[in-house]
Every structure is written in C-alpha cells, then in structure tokens.
Protein backbone atom coordinates (compact mmCIF):
# COMPACT_ATOMS: atom_id res chain seq x y z
CA MET A 1 200.74 -129.19 -63.55
CA ILE A 2 202.50 -130.93 -66.43
CA ARG A 3 200.22 -133.96 -66.14
CA LYS A 4 197.15 -131.73 -66.08
CA LEU A 5 198.33 -129.94 -69.19
CA LEU A 6 198.91 -133.24 -70.94
CA ALA A 7 195.36 -134.28 -70.13
CA LEU A 8 194.03 -131.01 -71.45
CA PHE A 9 196.03 -131.10 -74.65
CA GLY A 10 195.04 -134.65 -75.39
CA LEU A 11 191.37 -133.93 -75.01
CA LEU A 12 191.64 -130.86 -77.24
CA LEU A 13 193.50 -132.70 -80.00
CA THR A 14 196.47 -130.46 -79.30
CA LEU A 15 199.14 -133.07 -78.85
CA ASP A 16 201.07 -133.95 -81.96
CA ALA A 17 199.95 -136.88 -84.09
CA CYS A 18 202.54 -139.30 -82.73
CA SER A 19 201.21 -138.81 -79.20
CA GLY A 20 197.54 -139.43 -79.92
CA PRO A 21 194.81 -139.44 -82.57
CA PRO A 22 195.68 -136.94 -85.34
CA PRO A 23 193.30 -134.13 -86.28
CA PRO A 24 190.99 -134.99 -89.19
CA LYS A 25 191.97 -134.01 -92.72
CA MET A 26 189.69 -131.42 -94.25
CA VAL A 27 188.10 -132.21 -97.65
CA ASP A 28 186.06 -130.24 -100.16
CA ALA A 29 182.71 -129.33 -98.65
CA PHE A 30 180.85 -131.12 -101.46
CA THR A 31 182.68 -134.43 -101.02
CA ASP A 32 180.26 -137.40 -101.17
CA LEU A 33 177.32 -134.99 -101.40
CA TYR A 34 177.40 -133.02 -104.64
CA THR A 35 179.26 -134.04 -107.80
CA ALA A 36 178.24 -131.39 -110.34
CA SER A 37 180.91 -128.92 -109.21
CA SER A 38 183.34 -128.15 -106.41
CA SER A 39 182.65 -125.77 -103.58
CA ALA A 40 185.26 -123.37 -105.01
CA SER A 41 182.93 -122.51 -107.89
CA VAL A 42 180.14 -121.13 -105.66
CA PRO A 43 179.72 -117.31 -105.70
CA VAL A 44 180.70 -115.70 -102.40
CA ASN A 45 178.21 -113.41 -100.63
CA ALA A 46 175.82 -113.48 -103.60
CA PRO A 47 172.26 -112.33 -102.77
CA VAL A 48 170.01 -115.34 -102.30
CA THR A 49 166.37 -116.00 -101.51
CA VAL A 50 165.72 -119.02 -99.30
CA THR A 51 162.33 -120.60 -99.95
CA PRO A 52 160.84 -122.89 -97.30
CA PRO A 53 160.77 -125.69 -96.48
CA VAL A 54 164.53 -125.70 -95.91
CA GLY A 55 166.79 -128.74 -95.59
CA LEU A 56 170.03 -128.64 -93.60
CA ILE A 57 172.97 -130.87 -94.49
CA PHE A 58 176.19 -131.15 -92.48
CA SER A 59 179.34 -131.82 -94.51
CA GLU A 60 181.85 -134.63 -94.11
CA ASN A 61 184.19 -132.16 -92.38
CA VAL A 62 181.62 -131.54 -89.65
CA GLU A 63 181.15 -135.27 -89.13
CA ALA A 64 184.93 -135.82 -89.13
CA HIS A 65 185.46 -133.13 -86.50
CA ILE A 66 182.78 -134.56 -84.22
CA GLY A 67 184.20 -138.05 -84.67
CA ALA A 68 187.75 -136.88 -83.96
CA VAL A 69 186.70 -135.19 -80.73
CA LYS A 70 184.92 -138.36 -79.64
CA ASP A 71 187.92 -140.55 -80.52
CA ALA A 72 190.39 -138.27 -78.73
CA THR A 73 188.22 -138.05 -75.63
CA GLU A 74 187.98 -141.83 -75.45
CA TYR A 75 191.71 -142.26 -76.15
CA TRP A 76 192.89 -139.90 -73.44
CA GLY A 77 190.19 -141.06 -71.05
CA LYS A 78 191.94 -144.43 -70.98
CA ILE A 79 195.33 -142.87 -70.27
CA VAL A 80 194.70 -139.87 -68.03
CA PRO A 81 193.38 -140.52 -64.48
CA ALA A 82 189.86 -139.19 -63.94
CA SER A 83 191.16 -136.91 -61.17
CA LEU A 84 193.27 -135.01 -63.75
CA THR A 85 190.52 -134.56 -66.34
CA ASN A 86 190.12 -130.93 -67.31
CA THR A 87 186.35 -130.51 -67.27
CA VAL A 88 186.62 -126.93 -68.57
CA ALA A 89 188.42 -128.21 -71.66
CA LEU A 90 185.92 -131.03 -72.14
CA ALA A 91 183.01 -128.59 -72.04
CA ASP A 92 184.75 -126.13 -74.37
CA ASN A 93 185.53 -128.83 -76.92
CA ASN A 94 182.06 -130.40 -76.86
CA PRO A 95 180.97 -130.51 -80.55
CA LEU A 96 177.34 -130.31 -79.47
CA TYR A 97 178.00 -126.62 -78.77
CA PHE A 98 178.91 -126.08 -82.42
CA SER A 99 175.88 -128.01 -83.67
CA ALA A 100 173.51 -126.25 -81.30
CA LYS A 101 174.74 -122.76 -82.23
CA VAL A 102 174.51 -123.43 -85.96
CA LEU A 103 171.00 -124.84 -85.61
CA GLU A 104 169.97 -121.94 -83.39
CA LEU A 105 171.11 -119.43 -86.03
CA LEU A 106 169.42 -121.17 -88.94
CA LYS A 107 166.20 -122.11 -87.13
CA ARG A 108 165.81 -118.52 -85.97
CA ARG A 109 165.93 -117.30 -89.55
CA PHE A 110 164.24 -120.30 -91.17
CA PRO A 111 161.82 -121.99 -88.74
CA SER A 112 161.10 -124.76 -91.24
CA ALA A 113 164.78 -125.78 -91.40
CA THR A 114 165.11 -129.54 -90.92
CA PRO A 115 168.29 -131.67 -90.94
CA VAL A 116 168.52 -134.17 -93.82
CA HIS A 117 171.29 -136.60 -94.70
CA ASP A 118 171.79 -135.66 -98.35
CA PHE A 119 170.24 -134.03 -101.40
CA ASN A 120 168.25 -137.12 -102.36
CA GLU A 121 166.49 -137.02 -99.02
CA ALA A 122 165.95 -133.27 -99.41
CA VAL A 123 164.21 -133.82 -102.75
CA GLN A 124 162.16 -136.73 -101.41
CA LYS A 125 160.95 -134.59 -98.52
CA GLY A 126 160.02 -131.71 -100.79
CA MET A 127 162.63 -129.22 -99.66
CA ARG A 128 162.65 -126.01 -101.71
CA SER A 129 166.02 -124.84 -100.45
CA VAL A 130 169.03 -126.53 -98.87
CA ILE A 131 171.78 -125.09 -96.70
CA LEU A 132 175.00 -127.11 -96.52
CA VAL A 133 177.01 -126.44 -93.36
CA ASP A 134 180.77 -126.94 -93.63
CA LEU A 135 183.46 -126.63 -90.96
CA ARG A 136 187.13 -126.15 -91.78
CA MET A 137 189.63 -126.28 -88.95
CA GLU A 138 193.33 -125.65 -88.55
CA TYR A 139 194.12 -127.10 -85.14
CA GLY A 140 196.71 -125.44 -82.91
CA MET A 141 198.86 -128.21 -81.51
CA ARG A 142 200.35 -126.57 -78.41
CA SER A 143 200.63 -123.31 -76.45
CA GLY A 144 201.61 -120.40 -78.66
CA GLN A 145 200.05 -121.88 -81.78
CA THR A 146 196.86 -120.57 -83.36
CA SER A 147 193.72 -122.54 -84.18
CA LYS A 148 191.61 -121.29 -87.08
CA MET A 149 187.92 -121.98 -87.66
CA ASP A 150 185.91 -121.35 -90.81
CA ILE A 151 182.19 -122.08 -90.92
CA ASP A 152 180.84 -121.97 -94.46
CA LEU A 153 177.17 -121.97 -95.42
CA TYR A 154 176.33 -123.01 -98.98
CA PHE A 155 172.85 -122.13 -100.24
CA PHE A 156 171.12 -124.33 -102.83
CA ASP A 157 167.96 -123.42 -104.73
CA ALA A 158 164.93 -125.61 -105.50
CA SER A 159 166.86 -127.26 -108.36
CA MET A 160 169.58 -128.19 -105.86
CA ARG A 161 172.11 -125.88 -107.50
CA PRO A 162 174.57 -123.94 -105.29
CA VAL A 163 173.91 -120.22 -105.64
CA SER A 164 175.80 -118.55 -102.77
CA LYS A 165 178.33 -119.11 -100.02
CA ILE A 166 178.97 -117.10 -96.87
CA ASN A 167 181.81 -117.54 -94.42
CA GLY A 168 182.39 -116.95 -90.74
CA HIS A 169 186.01 -116.97 -89.57
CA SER A 170 187.70 -116.88 -86.17
CA GLU A 171 191.11 -117.60 -84.66
CA PHE A 172 192.37 -118.43 -81.18
CA THR A 173 195.99 -118.48 -80.02
CA ILE A 174 196.46 -121.11 -77.32
CA PRO A 175 197.86 -119.43 -74.19
CA TYR A 176 200.25 -120.82 -71.61
CA PRO A 177 199.07 -122.34 -69.42
CA ALA A 178 196.13 -123.48 -71.55
CA MET A 179 192.86 -124.12 -69.76
CA HIS A 180 190.93 -124.67 -72.99
CA GLY A 181 191.38 -124.48 -76.75
CA GLY A 182 188.97 -121.66 -77.52
CA MET A 183 186.47 -123.75 -79.48
CA GLN A 184 183.38 -122.08 -78.05
CA LYS A 185 184.89 -118.61 -78.47
CA MET A 186 185.74 -119.31 -82.12
CA THR A 187 182.31 -120.82 -82.77
CA THR A 188 180.52 -117.82 -81.27
CA GLU A 189 182.62 -115.33 -83.24
CA ALA A 190 182.29 -117.18 -86.55
CA ILE A 191 178.53 -117.52 -86.18
CA ALA A 192 178.21 -113.81 -85.34
CA GLN A 193 179.92 -113.04 -88.66
CA LEU A 194 177.54 -115.40 -90.47
CA ASP A 195 174.58 -113.71 -88.85
CA GLN A 196 175.72 -110.28 -90.06
CA LYS A 197 176.38 -111.51 -93.60
CA MET A 198 173.03 -113.28 -93.76
CA SER A 199 171.29 -110.05 -92.80
CA ALA A 200 172.93 -108.40 -95.81
CA THR A 201 172.60 -111.11 -98.44
CA VAL A 202 169.95 -113.70 -97.52
CA ARG A 203 166.21 -113.27 -97.86
C-alpha cells in the first residue's frame, strides 16, 4: 500500500519538492503576452460583448502546468514499477481533460473560437476578440492538504485591450488513502462557475 501511495503521489505532483519535480511557480497571467498592464488591473465580471472571430490564448501558467505534469509522469515512471502505476490517478491528472473542457465551454458559446499563440498572431489572423485562459494552482502535497484551482478568463476587445475578467474557483482536500488528486473534479466545478458567470456578463 505504501509503495502504491508513493506512486500515486509522485504522479500527482504531491510529493514534496525534495522527492521529485517541484510544482510550477505561478506568474502573472499576462507574462510574455501583454505588456501594457498587469492582469490585476482588469475589471472583474464587467459586461462584455465578444465579437467573432475569436482568438484563444493559453497563458504561461497553463503551459507550465501541462509541462510539470508531463515531467512528473516521466520522472516517476522511471522509478515506480509499471505494476504499481495508479491508472486512476494518471487519468485524473491528464491535462488534456482541462484543455478539452475549456475548449468545449468556449467553442459552445463562440463557434469561431480558434487557438492562437499570441496577440500578434490574433491580429494577423483578423481576430476581433481574444480570450486569454489562465490557470492558477495551489498544489496539495499530501493527504489532508487542500489543492486550489482558479481558472481565469480575460476578455480583450478588437483593439486588444483587456476589458473583463471572470473566475472559476474550486478546491479539493486530498483524502487518505488518496486514489487521485481531484483535478477533474476541480476542473469541472471551476468551469461550471465560469459558465454561469458568462451567462450573466458575456454577450
């Protein structure tokens, strides 16, 4: 049981930093993307009209999270025997679930939404609106600790100015014994909050 738990915790980034790859450090959502202001200056829940075509940009935090999951999976895959791999945890922590759910939400509301790398590409492709997707995580490190997820959507107008931000938040306390880290549960709950707020503020 102890060895199985160690395998699980490693794959979920829930071992402490000295035992494996550390969780990524979160940065401002606009880092390396937008220099005119910080994300803290964007109005929260301000009414906004999204004009198609719509560009979607994923922040450095999203990329860092996906990379950290990949690195941790590879790291512990070399240490933990395949017979002890917790497939439930692997599936729960798959970052493709996060990406797919975010895209599903935004494509349902904005069928023209297309991923772009940055604002220059958005302008070159004639995007009239841009939505920047940011992910902020506080990673629970072991049973009894709480992971926190915030998904922020920043809305930019045709001039590529940020005009509104909405947030979806969720938390998950890691149980004992831990079969997974609650990533899919947190993602689903946070996106449900975003969906409700978009119904109230986004046109």
